[in-house]
Amino acid sequence: MMNITIVGSGTAGLINALVLRKAFPFFNITIISSSKIGIIGVGEGSTEHWRMFMEQCDIPLAELIVKTNATHKNGIRFENWTNHTPDYFHSVTATHQSKPFSVYSLYAALIKDGKLITENTASRALVENKVPVNGMHRSVNQYHFDTFALNSYLTSLCIERNIKFIDAEVEQVVKNSENSYIDSVYLSTQSFHKSDFWIDASGFKRVLINEMPGVKWQSYSDYLLIDSAIAFPTESDPNGQIRPYTRAKAMDSGWMWEIPTQERRGNGYVYSSAHISEQEAVDAAAKQVGYEINIGRSIKFESGCLEKMWINNCVAVGLSSSFVEPLEATSIGSTIQQANCLVENLGTFKPGQTHQQKSFNNKMASMMENILCMISLHYISDRKDSNFWKDVSSAKKPEYLEELIGLWSERPMFQGDIKRKGYEMFLEPHFFHVANGQGLINKEQAQKMLVSFNLELEAKNLVSNAKLNQIDHERIDHGQALREIQI
């Protein structure tokens, strides 16, 4: 029996509580959070890791969609990120590889012809604002959520599953003087709470992990210039349709997101404060949407992560551990990865053990390098039309990403190009789609590879089959499909 306490009841805290409850049914799990402190409420998009989390934690799909005002997320539409390809999708569907050499022959065939991968492999439902009738809501692994509705729903699941809640703020962290392990916390209710293991899900405040010895922040500001965001809601599209994808539109000093839920759209402008003021960002966002906007939240942040997310008997998750930027919606997905990696090591944990912490921290460091490279990949652009994009072009690139770009200039991607320690969020197909949209894979070398492996005919057939698969199924309006769900 172990006593585990989570500080913070945002999405990160609730996800960890549910995963730990499923893994360890006899552990005592407590969440400490104050009803006076609101949640960030910005990250409304998930990655495909969400389906794994749902199945793992026995979360009914229909109930989730209804309770959280969820919509399908079949990918992200990138607009104006480059001059040469001002409109492309990152939506991983067909990923055929030729055995035994793991050649992505379908992708290579499209690239050598100068074609976009998603545009020629994804269902036409994506751009028609529809979803496939067959396996309607099970054909997608990721969703958009109303953040506050999601929080309410996950909270109810935690209560149903015997996870205790304490409504209080942590006022003091009490550590054991011998080993700097957290012994207890003193709460605003004027009481102490003891626990064996602690999870810091308190967001940017980091109320627990900041009290641990050797805490260091690894900044990504040399690579990513974005450091601010404004978020605001708008009404649903007047035409009544709901897009089954996220929009990411590049702007003069950053980019804007649009995330549809069933009842509204969540929007935001993520920008560099060195290139534009908050008021200028508000004005630019209003001009983009076509009317005056009311800012729901303004956020300042530094992209980066903790060098060590697990120290002694405390682990930081979610925003307490890292934040890169909202691009590619990595926050929820990385939290799920953290929870599952923690499960690997927590069942046999006891004070004094260090190898579990080291394994966790190494895997999380690899996950963060993977995320940093994926986000940085989007900013390798031929745009030079503003000071922001000029500075982006000269910004430092992650060493690993530079290696990959050099490799892709000489040959297309192969399975194994992306380093793996088990919890990386983006693998070769993800990088293929984005690198294709950003124009970073050599067309001539793709052709040469197909010729060398004698795969030209196979690749041609794969392209033809992919085109057929795009339309060879019945489709229904996305909004209608959501409205017909009953629980």
Protein backbone atom coordinates (compact mmCIF):
# COMPACT_ATOMS: atom_id res chain seq x y z
CA MET A 1 0.00 0.00 0.00
CA MET A 2 1.33 3.42 -0.95
CA ASN A 3 -0.05 6.88 -0.33
CA ILE A 4 0.23 9.09 -3.40
CA THR A 5 -0.70 12.77 -3.38
CA ILE A 6 -1.19 14.93 -6.45
CA VAL A 7 -1.12 18.71 -6.05
CA GLY A 8 -3.25 20.29 -8.76
CA SER A 9 -6.53 19.25 -10.37
CA GLY A 10 -6.06 20.50 -13.90
CA THR A 11 -5.96 18.09 -16.82
CA ALA A 12 -2.46 16.86 -15.89
CA GLY A 13 -3.36 16.04 -12.29
CA LEU A 14 -6.60 14.28 -13.22
CA ILE A 15 -5.00 12.21 -16.00
CA ASN A 16 -2.27 11.02 -13.65
CA ALA A 17 -4.81 10.19 -10.95
CA LEU A 18 -6.89 8.06 -13.32
CA VAL A 19 -3.89 6.24 -14.79
CA LEU A 20 -2.48 5.52 -11.33
CA ARG A 21 -5.85 4.33 -10.07
CA LYS A 22 -6.12 1.88 -12.97
CA ALA A 23 -2.56 0.63 -12.44
CA PHE A 24 -2.63 0.49 -8.64
CA PRO A 25 -6.20 -0.21 -7.44
CA PHE A 26 -5.19 -0.49 -3.77
CA PHE A 27 -3.07 2.64 -3.45
CA ASN A 28 -4.47 5.66 -1.62
CA ILE A 29 -4.60 8.52 -4.12
CA THR A 30 -5.36 12.08 -3.00
CA ILE A 31 -5.64 15.28 -5.04
CA ILE A 32 -5.02 18.59 -3.29
CA SER A 33 -6.29 21.68 -5.10
CA SER A 34 -8.06 24.88 -4.29
CA SER A 35 -11.42 25.78 -5.77
CA LYS A 36 -10.16 29.39 -5.68
CA ILE A 37 -7.52 28.62 -8.34
CA GLY A 38 -8.76 28.25 -11.90
CA ILE A 39 -7.33 26.04 -14.62
CA ILE A 40 -5.35 27.41 -17.58
CA GLY A 41 -8.05 26.37 -20.03
CA VAL A 42 -6.08 26.80 -23.26
CA GLY A 43 -5.01 23.34 -24.41
CA GLU A 44 -8.17 21.95 -25.96
CA GLY A 45 -6.59 19.59 -28.51
CA SER A 46 -5.21 16.12 -27.91
CA THR A 47 -2.88 13.83 -29.82
CA GLU A 48 -3.53 10.19 -30.72
CA HIS A 49 -2.28 9.19 -27.26
CA TRP A 50 -5.74 10.14 -26.00
CA ARG A 51 -7.34 6.96 -27.40
CA MET A 52 -4.76 4.86 -25.54
CA PHE A 53 -5.58 6.74 -22.33
CA MET A 54 -9.32 6.21 -22.79
CA GLU A 55 -9.01 2.49 -23.41
CA GLN A 56 -6.51 2.11 -20.61
CA CYS A 57 -8.75 3.86 -18.09
CA ASP A 58 -12.09 2.43 -19.30
CA ILE A 59 -13.56 5.77 -20.41
CA PRO A 60 -16.69 5.33 -22.58
CA LEU A 61 -16.28 7.13 -25.90
CA ALA A 62 -19.88 8.28 -26.35
CA GLU A 63 -20.04 9.57 -22.80
CA LEU A 64 -16.77 11.46 -23.25
CA ILE A 65 -17.95 13.14 -26.46
CA VAL A 66 -21.24 14.28 -24.91
CA LYS A 67 -19.86 15.34 -21.52
CA THR A 68 -16.89 17.30 -22.89
CA ASN A 69 -18.48 18.80 -26.04
CA ALA A 70 -15.76 16.96 -27.93
CA THR A 71 -15.24 17.02 -31.68
CA HIS A 72 -13.11 14.91 -33.97
CA LYS A 73 -9.52 15.96 -34.55
CA ASN A 74 -8.18 14.31 -37.68
CA GLY A 75 -5.14 16.53 -37.92
CA ILE A 76 -3.83 20.08 -38.07
CA ARG A 77 -4.13 22.40 -41.04
CA PHE A 78 -1.08 24.65 -41.42
CA GLU A 79 -1.76 27.88 -43.27
CA ASN A 80 0.86 30.37 -44.49
CA TRP A 81 3.82 28.70 -42.82
CA THR A 82 5.81 28.83 -46.05
CA ASN A 83 5.54 30.66 -49.36
CA HIS A 84 6.01 27.51 -51.42
CA THR A 85 3.30 25.49 -49.61
CA PRO A 86 0.85 27.88 -47.92
CA ASP A 87 -1.69 25.16 -47.07
CA TYR A 88 -0.97 21.63 -45.87
CA PHE A 89 -2.17 19.11 -43.29
CA HIS A 90 -0.38 17.06 -40.68
CA SER A 91 -2.72 14.08 -40.52
CA VAL A 92 -1.12 10.64 -40.38
CA THR A 93 -3.19 8.01 -42.18
CA ALA A 94 -1.72 5.59 -44.74
CA THR A 95 1.91 4.80 -43.85
CA HIS A 96 2.69 1.83 -46.07
CA GLN A 97 6.24 0.53 -45.81
CA SER A 98 7.93 -1.93 -48.14
CA LYS A 99 9.39 -4.93 -46.35
CA PRO A 100 12.00 -6.03 -45.44
CA PHE A 101 13.80 -2.68 -45.68
CA SER A 102 11.18 -0.35 -44.15
CA VAL A 103 11.09 1.96 -47.16
CA TYR A 104 8.14 4.38 -47.01
CA SER A 105 7.42 3.79 -50.69
CA LEU A 106 4.01 5.49 -50.73
CA TYR A 107 5.39 8.66 -49.15
CA ALA A 108 8.48 8.65 -51.38
CA ALA A 109 6.33 8.29 -54.52
CA LEU A 110 4.21 11.30 -53.57
CA ILE A 111 7.21 13.43 -52.67
CA LYS A 112 9.11 12.69 -55.87
CA ASP A 113 6.03 13.90 -57.81
CA GLY A 114 5.88 17.09 -55.74
CA LYS A 115 2.63 16.08 -54.01
CA LEU A 116 1.48 16.56 -50.41
CA ILE A 117 1.15 13.37 -48.37
CA THR A 118 -2.04 14.12 -46.44
CA GLU A 119 -3.79 15.65 -49.43
CA ASN A 120 -3.31 12.38 -51.30
CA THR A 121 -3.85 9.83 -48.52
CA ALA A 122 -6.40 11.21 -46.03
CA SER A 123 -10.14 10.72 -46.42
CA ARG A 124 -11.88 13.47 -48.34
CA ALA A 125 -14.07 13.79 -45.27
CA LEU A 126 -11.28 15.84 -43.71
CA VAL A 127 -11.71 18.81 -46.07
CA GLU A 128 -15.47 18.27 -46.48
CA ASN A 129 -16.03 18.73 -42.72
CA LYS A 130 -17.38 15.19 -42.61
CA VAL A 131 -16.53 11.90 -40.90
CA PRO A 132 -16.70 8.32 -42.21
CA VAL A 133 -20.01 6.57 -41.51
CA ASN A 134 -18.30 3.23 -40.86
CA GLY A 135 -16.77 3.30 -37.39
CA MET A 136 -17.93 6.89 -37.20
CA HIS A 137 -16.49 7.98 -33.85
CA ARG A 138 -13.98 5.16 -33.51
CA SER A 139 -12.15 6.08 -36.69
CA VAL A 140 -10.30 8.88 -34.91
CA ASN A 141 -7.80 8.72 -32.05
CA GLN A 142 -7.74 12.34 -31.00
CA TYR A 143 -10.28 14.99 -30.15
CA HIS A 144 -10.91 18.65 -29.39
CA PHE A 145 -12.42 19.44 -26.00
CA ASP A 146 -14.12 22.21 -24.10
CA THR A 147 -11.37 22.42 -21.48
CA PHE A 148 -13.66 23.26 -18.57
CA ALA A 149 -16.14 20.52 -19.50
CA LEU A 150 -13.24 18.06 -19.80
CA ASN A 151 -12.00 19.02 -16.35
CA SER A 152 -15.46 18.55 -14.86
CA TYR A 153 -15.86 15.14 -16.51
CA LEU A 154 -12.45 13.81 -15.48
CA THR A 155 -13.08 15.08 -11.93
CA SER A 156 -16.33 13.09 -11.77
CA LEU A 157 -14.50 9.97 -12.93
CA CYS A 158 -11.88 10.44 -10.22
CA ILE A 159 -14.57 10.75 -7.55
CA GLU A 160 -16.33 7.62 -8.84
CA ARG A 161 -13.04 5.74 -8.65
CA ASN A 162 -12.33 6.49 -5.02
CA ILE A 163 -9.79 9.25 -5.50
CA LYS A 164 -9.95 11.67 -2.59
CA PHE A 165 -10.06 15.44 -3.06
CA ILE A 166 -8.90 18.05 -0.53
CA ASP A 167 -9.95 21.65 -1.23
CA ALA A 168 -6.97 23.63 0.02
CA GLU A 169 -3.81 25.45 -1.02
CA VAL A 170 -0.32 24.24 -0.16
CA GLU A 171 1.28 26.85 2.07
CA GLN A 172 4.45 25.03 3.07
CA VAL A 173 6.36 21.94 1.98
CA VAL A 174 7.88 19.98 4.88
CA LYS A 175 10.94 17.89 3.97
CA ASN A 176 12.89 15.24 5.84
CA SER A 177 16.15 16.88 6.88
CA GLU A 178 18.15 13.70 6.28
CA ASN A 179 17.36 13.06 2.61
CA SER A 180 15.26 16.04 1.38
CA TYR A 181 12.28 13.78 0.68
CA ILE A 182 8.91 15.47 1.07
CA ASP A 183 7.32 14.32 4.29
CA SER A 184 4.16 16.43 4.35
CA VAL A 185 2.59 19.71 3.30
CA TYR A 186 0.95 22.33 5.45
CA LEU A 187 -2.37 23.41 3.99
CA SER A 188 -4.48 26.56 4.06
CA THR A 189 -6.97 24.58 6.18
CA GLN A 190 -4.32 24.76 8.95
CA SER A 191 -3.62 21.04 8.78
CA PHE A 192 -0.80 18.79 7.65
CA HIS A 193 -1.11 16.14 4.96
CA LYS A 194 1.42 13.29 4.81
CA SER A 195 2.17 11.06 1.84
CA ASP A 196 4.74 8.58 0.55
CA PHE A 197 4.99 9.96 -2.97
CA TRP A 198 4.12 13.36 -4.46
CA ILE A 199 3.11 14.48 -7.95
CA ASP A 200 3.41 18.16 -8.77
CA ALA A 201 0.63 19.09 -11.20
CA SER A 202 0.37 22.68 -9.96
CA GLY A 203 1.24 24.20 -13.34
CA PHE A 204 3.69 27.05 -13.71
CA LYS A 205 3.73 27.56 -9.91
CA ARG A 206 5.60 24.25 -9.37
CA VAL A 207 4.82 24.37 -5.66
CA LEU A 208 6.42 21.00 -4.89
CA ILE A 209 9.23 20.43 -7.37
CA ASN A 210 10.73 23.89 -6.77
CA GLU A 211 11.38 22.81 -3.16
CA MET A 212 13.50 19.86 -4.25
CA PRO A 213 17.32 19.98 -4.43
CA GLY A 214 19.00 20.37 -7.81
CA VAL A 215 16.03 21.71 -9.76
CA LYS A 216 17.16 23.14 -13.10
CA TRP A 217 15.16 24.57 -15.99
CA GLN A 218 16.32 23.81 -19.53
CA SER A 219 15.24 26.75 -21.67
CA TYR A 220 14.31 26.37 -25.33
CA SER A 221 14.29 30.13 -25.93
CA ASP A 222 17.35 29.90 -28.18
CA TYR A 223 15.35 27.68 -30.53
CA LEU A 224 11.79 29.00 -30.17
CA LEU A 225 11.03 32.73 -30.12
CA ILE A 226 7.40 32.36 -29.01
CA ASP A 227 6.84 33.35 -25.37
CA SER A 228 3.30 34.77 -25.05
CA ALA A 229 -0.29 33.94 -25.91
CA ILE A 230 -3.76 35.39 -25.78
CA ALA A 231 -6.78 33.07 -25.81
CA PHE A 232 -10.34 33.98 -26.67
CA PRO A 233 -13.57 32.15 -27.59
CA THR A 234 -15.73 32.79 -30.64
CA GLU A 235 -19.07 31.47 -31.77
CA SER A 236 -19.29 28.36 -33.93
CA ASP A 237 -18.94 28.77 -37.67
CA PRO A 238 -22.08 30.55 -38.99
CA ASN A 239 -22.52 27.89 -41.68
CA GLY A 240 -23.26 25.32 -38.97
CA GLN A 241 -20.39 23.06 -39.97
CA ILE A 242 -17.72 21.88 -37.54
CA ARG A 243 -14.23 21.33 -38.86
CA PRO A 244 -12.73 17.96 -37.85
CA TYR A 245 -9.27 19.48 -37.56
CA THR A 246 -7.30 22.23 -35.84
CA ARG A 247 -6.28 25.33 -37.79
CA ALA A 248 -2.81 26.81 -37.24
CA LYS A 249 -2.42 30.02 -39.24
CA ALA A 250 0.98 31.68 -39.34
CA MET A 251 0.94 35.41 -38.57
CA ASP A 252 3.52 38.20 -38.80
CA SER A 253 4.79 37.58 -35.24
CA GLY A 254 3.69 34.02 -34.46
CA TRP A 255 0.60 32.02 -35.28
CA MET A 256 -3.10 31.68 -34.44
CA TRP A 257 -5.04 28.56 -33.53
CA GLU A 258 -8.69 27.71 -34.03
CA ILE A 259 -10.11 24.68 -32.23
CA PRO A 260 -13.77 23.73 -32.72
CA THR A 261 -15.91 22.24 -29.97
CA GLN A 262 -19.59 21.46 -30.32
CA GLU A 263 -20.76 24.82 -28.97
CA ARG A 264 -18.01 27.30 -29.82
CA ARG A 265 -14.50 27.72 -31.16
CA GLY A 266 -11.42 28.24 -29.03
CA ASN A 267 -8.93 30.70 -30.54
CA GLY A 268 -5.62 32.20 -29.66
CA TYR A 269 -2.63 34.10 -30.91
CA VAL A 270 0.75 32.70 -29.83
CA TYR A 271 3.42 35.32 -30.40
CA SER A 272 6.87 36.66 -29.65
CA SER A 273 6.75 39.58 -27.22
CA ALA A 274 10.03 40.81 -28.69
CA HIS A 275 8.24 41.45 -31.99
CA ILE A 276 4.74 42.51 -31.00
CA SER A 277 2.98 43.89 -27.90
CA GLU A 278 -0.08 42.28 -26.35
CA GLN A 279 -2.33 45.06 -27.63
CA GLU A 280 -0.89 44.66 -31.11
CA ALA A 281 -1.54 40.93 -30.86
CA VAL A 282 -5.15 41.61 -29.85
CA ASP A 283 -5.58 44.01 -32.77
CA ALA A 284 -4.05 41.53 -35.23
CA ALA A 285 -6.25 38.69 -33.94
CA ALA A 286 -9.37 40.88 -34.20
CA LYS A 287 -8.47 41.82 -37.75
CA GLN A 288 -7.99 38.16 -38.60
CA VAL A 289 -11.38 37.01 -37.25
CA GLY A 290 -13.15 40.12 -38.51
CA TYR A 291 -14.59 41.57 -35.31
CA GLU A 292 -13.67 42.80 -31.82
CA ILE A 293 -12.55 40.05 -29.46
CA ASN A 294 -12.71 39.60 -25.69
CA ILE A 295 -9.54 38.07 -24.27
CA GLY A 296 -10.27 35.16 -21.96
CA ARG A 297 -6.70 34.69 -20.78
CA SER A 298 -3.27 36.18 -21.35
CA ILE A 299 -0.25 33.94 -20.76
CA LYS A 300 3.50 34.52 -20.54
CA PHE A 301 5.81 31.54 -20.66
CA GLU A 302 9.33 30.35 -21.35
CA SER A 303 9.58 27.30 -23.56
CA GLY A 304 11.54 24.51 -21.97
CA CYS A 305 11.48 21.70 -19.43
CA LEU A 306 12.97 20.58 -16.16
CA GLU A 307 16.27 18.77 -16.63
CA LYS A 308 15.01 16.24 -14.07
CA MET A 309 11.26 15.81 -13.68
CA TRP A 310 11.60 13.23 -10.89
CA ILE A 311 13.67 14.16 -7.82
CA ASN A 312 13.57 12.03 -4.65
CA ASN A 313 9.89 11.25 -3.93
CA CYS A 314 8.45 13.99 -6.14
CA VAL A 315 7.74 14.03 -9.86
CA ALA A 316 6.53 17.02 -11.88
CA VAL A 317 3.97 16.46 -14.65
CA GLY A 318 2.15 18.63 -17.17
CA LEU A 319 2.95 22.34 -17.06
CA SER A 320 4.92 21.84 -13.84
CA SER A 321 7.47 19.82 -15.80
CA SER A 322 7.53 21.40 -19.25
CA PHE A 323 5.92 23.67 -21.76
CA VAL A 324 7.10 24.07 -25.32
CA GLU A 325 4.26 25.96 -26.99
CA PRO A 326 0.71 25.04 -28.10
CA LEU A 327 1.79 24.01 -31.61
CA GLU A 328 1.00 20.29 -32.21
CA ALA A 329 -0.97 20.15 -28.93
CA THR A 330 1.72 18.26 -27.05
CA SER A 331 0.67 19.17 -23.49
CA ILE A 332 -2.05 16.56 -22.94
CA GLY A 333 -0.23 13.87 -24.91
CA SER A 334 3.05 14.34 -23.04
CA THR A 335 1.15 14.19 -19.73
CA ILE A 336 -0.27 10.80 -20.73
CA GLN A 337 3.24 9.64 -21.61
CA GLN A 338 4.53 10.86 -18.25
CA ALA A 339 1.79 8.99 -16.38
CA ASN A 340 2.53 5.73 -18.15
CA CYS A 341 6.27 6.04 -17.65
CA LEU A 342 5.66 6.77 -13.98
CA VAL A 343 3.56 3.61 -13.67
CA GLU A 344 6.56 1.58 -14.86
CA ASN A 345 8.58 2.71 -11.87
CA LEU A 346 6.21 3.55 -9.03
CA GLY A 347 4.87 0.11 -8.10
CA THR A 348 8.08 -0.93 -6.34
CA PHE A 349 9.34 2.49 -5.30
CA LYS A 350 10.82 3.06 -1.86
CA PRO A 351 13.04 5.82 -0.46
CA GLY A 352 16.70 5.56 -1.42
CA GLN A 353 16.15 3.97 -4.82
CA THR A 354 17.66 5.96 -7.68
CA HIS A 355 17.65 3.83 -10.83
CA GLN A 356 13.90 4.23 -11.34
CA GLN A 357 14.25 8.01 -11.19
CA LYS A 358 17.17 7.90 -13.62
CA SER A 359 15.24 5.73 -16.10
CA PHE A 360 12.19 8.00 -15.93
CA ASN A 361 14.24 11.15 -16.37
CA ASN A 362 16.19 9.73 -19.32
CA LYS A 363 13.01 8.70 -21.12
CA MET A 364 11.36 12.03 -20.47
CA ALA A 365 14.45 13.88 -21.71
CA SER A 366 14.21 11.90 -24.95
CA MET A 367 10.49 12.70 -25.20
CA MET A 368 11.19 16.41 -24.79
CA GLU A 369 13.97 16.40 -27.40
CA ASN A 370 11.53 14.71 -29.77
CA ILE A 371 8.89 17.39 -29.11
CA LEU A 372 11.39 20.24 -29.46
CA CYS A 373 12.56 18.91 -32.84
CA MET A 374 9.00 18.52 -34.12
CA ILE A 375 8.00 22.05 -33.07
CA SER A 376 11.21 23.57 -34.43
CA LEU A 377 10.65 21.78 -37.74
CA HIS A 378 7.63 23.99 -38.44
CA TYR A 379 9.73 27.15 -38.22
CA ILE A 380 12.16 26.16 -40.97
CA SER A 381 10.52 28.35 -43.55
CA ASP A 382 11.23 30.47 -46.62
CA ARG A 383 9.19 33.33 -45.14
CA LYS A 384 11.14 36.56 -44.62
CA ASP A 385 8.23 39.02 -44.76
CA SER A 386 8.44 40.28 -41.16
CA ASN A 387 11.09 40.81 -38.50
CA PHE A 388 9.79 37.74 -36.64
CA TRP A 389 10.22 35.42 -39.62
CA LYS A 390 13.62 36.93 -40.42
CA ASP A 391 14.75 36.23 -36.86
CA VAL A 392 13.21 32.75 -36.96
CA SER A 393 15.32 31.89 -40.00
CA SER A 394 18.53 32.73 -38.14
CA ALA A 395 17.51 31.17 -34.81
CA LYS A 396 19.49 28.23 -33.49
CA LYS A 397 18.20 24.78 -34.47
CA PRO A 398 18.33 21.69 -32.20
CA GLU A 399 21.41 19.66 -33.09
CA TYR A 400 19.39 16.49 -33.61
CA LEU A 401 17.00 18.27 -35.98
CA GLU A 402 19.91 19.63 -38.01
CA GLU A 403 21.18 16.07 -38.36
CA LEU A 404 17.79 14.89 -39.57
CA ILE A 405 17.41 17.70 -42.11
CA GLY A 406 20.87 16.97 -43.48
CA LEU A 407 19.96 13.29 -43.77
CA TRP A 408 16.66 14.04 -45.57
CA SER A 409 18.50 16.18 -48.10
CA GLU A 410 20.38 13.03 -49.11
CA ARG A 411 17.62 10.44 -48.81
CA PRO A 412 13.99 10.12 -47.65
CA MET A 413 13.10 8.92 -44.18
CA PHE A 414 13.44 5.32 -43.04
CA GLN A 415 12.07 3.66 -39.96
CA GLY A 416 14.73 4.12 -37.32
CA ASP A 417 15.61 7.72 -38.19
CA ILE A 418 13.80 8.93 -35.06
CA LYS A 419 15.49 7.99 -31.79
CA ARG A 420 13.38 5.90 -29.44
CA LYS A 421 13.45 5.31 -25.71
CA GLY A 422 9.80 4.34 -25.53
CA TYR A 423 7.81 7.53 -24.95
CA GLU A 424 8.55 9.76 -27.94
CA MET A 425 5.37 11.38 -29.23
CA PHE A 426 6.33 11.79 -32.89
CA LEU A 427 7.74 9.03 -35.06
CA GLU A 428 8.78 8.90 -38.72
CA PRO A 429 5.31 9.32 -40.32
CA HIS A 430 4.70 12.49 -38.27
CA PHE A 431 8.03 13.99 -39.29
CA PHE A 432 7.42 12.89 -42.89
CA HIS A 433 4.13 14.82 -43.13
CA VAL A 434 5.51 18.04 -41.65
CA ALA A 435 8.86 17.90 -43.45
CA ASN A 436 6.91 17.33 -46.68
CA GLY A 437 4.77 20.42 -46.03
CA GLN A 438 7.83 22.49 -45.12
CA GLY A 439 9.59 21.35 -48.31
CA LEU A 440 12.53 19.65 -46.60
CA ILE A 441 12.69 16.24 -48.31
CA ASN A 442 14.68 15.94 -51.53
CA LYS A 443 12.43 14.97 -54.46
CA GLU A 444 15.25 13.66 -56.68
CA GLN A 445 16.60 11.43 -53.92
CA ALA A 446 13.10 10.04 -53.30
CA GLN A 447 12.92 9.05 -56.96
CA LYS A 448 16.42 7.55 -56.84
CA MET A 449 15.54 5.48 -53.78
CA LEU A 450 12.45 3.98 -55.45
CA VAL A 451 14.51 3.07 -58.52
CA SER A 452 17.30 1.55 -56.41
CA PHE A 453 14.88 -0.71 -54.52
CA ASN A 454 12.88 -1.48 -57.68
CA LEU A 455 9.76 -0.13 -56.04
CA GLU A 456 8.45 2.19 -58.74
CA LEU A 457 5.59 -0.08 -59.79
CA GLU A 458 4.60 -0.90 -56.20
CA ALA A 459 4.70 2.77 -55.28
CA LYS A 460 2.54 3.70 -58.28
CA ASN A 461 -0.07 1.10 -57.22
CA LEU A 462 0.02 2.36 -53.64
CA VAL A 463 -0.65 5.91 -54.80
CA SER A 464 -3.61 4.72 -56.90
CA ASN A 465 -5.03 2.72 -54.00
CA ALA A 466 -4.62 5.67 -51.64
CA LYS A 467 -6.58 7.89 -54.00
CA LEU A 468 -9.38 5.29 -54.13
CA ASN A 469 -9.41 4.93 -50.35
CA GLN A 470 -9.91 8.69 -50.01
CA ILE A 471 -13.42 8.47 -51.46
CA ASP A 472 -14.34 4.78 -51.24
CA HIS A 473 -16.49 5.12 -48.13
CA GLU A 474 -19.70 6.83 -47.08
CA ARG A 475 -19.31 10.13 -45.24
CA ILE A 476 -21.59 12.14 -42.97
CA ASP A 477 -21.50 15.75 -41.78
CA HIS A 478 -19.30 16.03 -38.69
CA GLY A 479 -21.73 18.19 -36.72
CA GLN A 480 -24.64 15.92 -37.51
CA ALA A 481 -22.69 12.87 -36.38
CA LEU A 482 -21.98 14.54 -33.04
CA ARG A 483 -25.58 15.67 -32.51
CA GLU A 484 -26.89 12.14 -33.01
CA ILE A 485 -24.90 10.63 -30.12
CA GLN A 486 -27.12 9.55 -27.24
CA ILE A 487 -26.03 8.36 -23.77
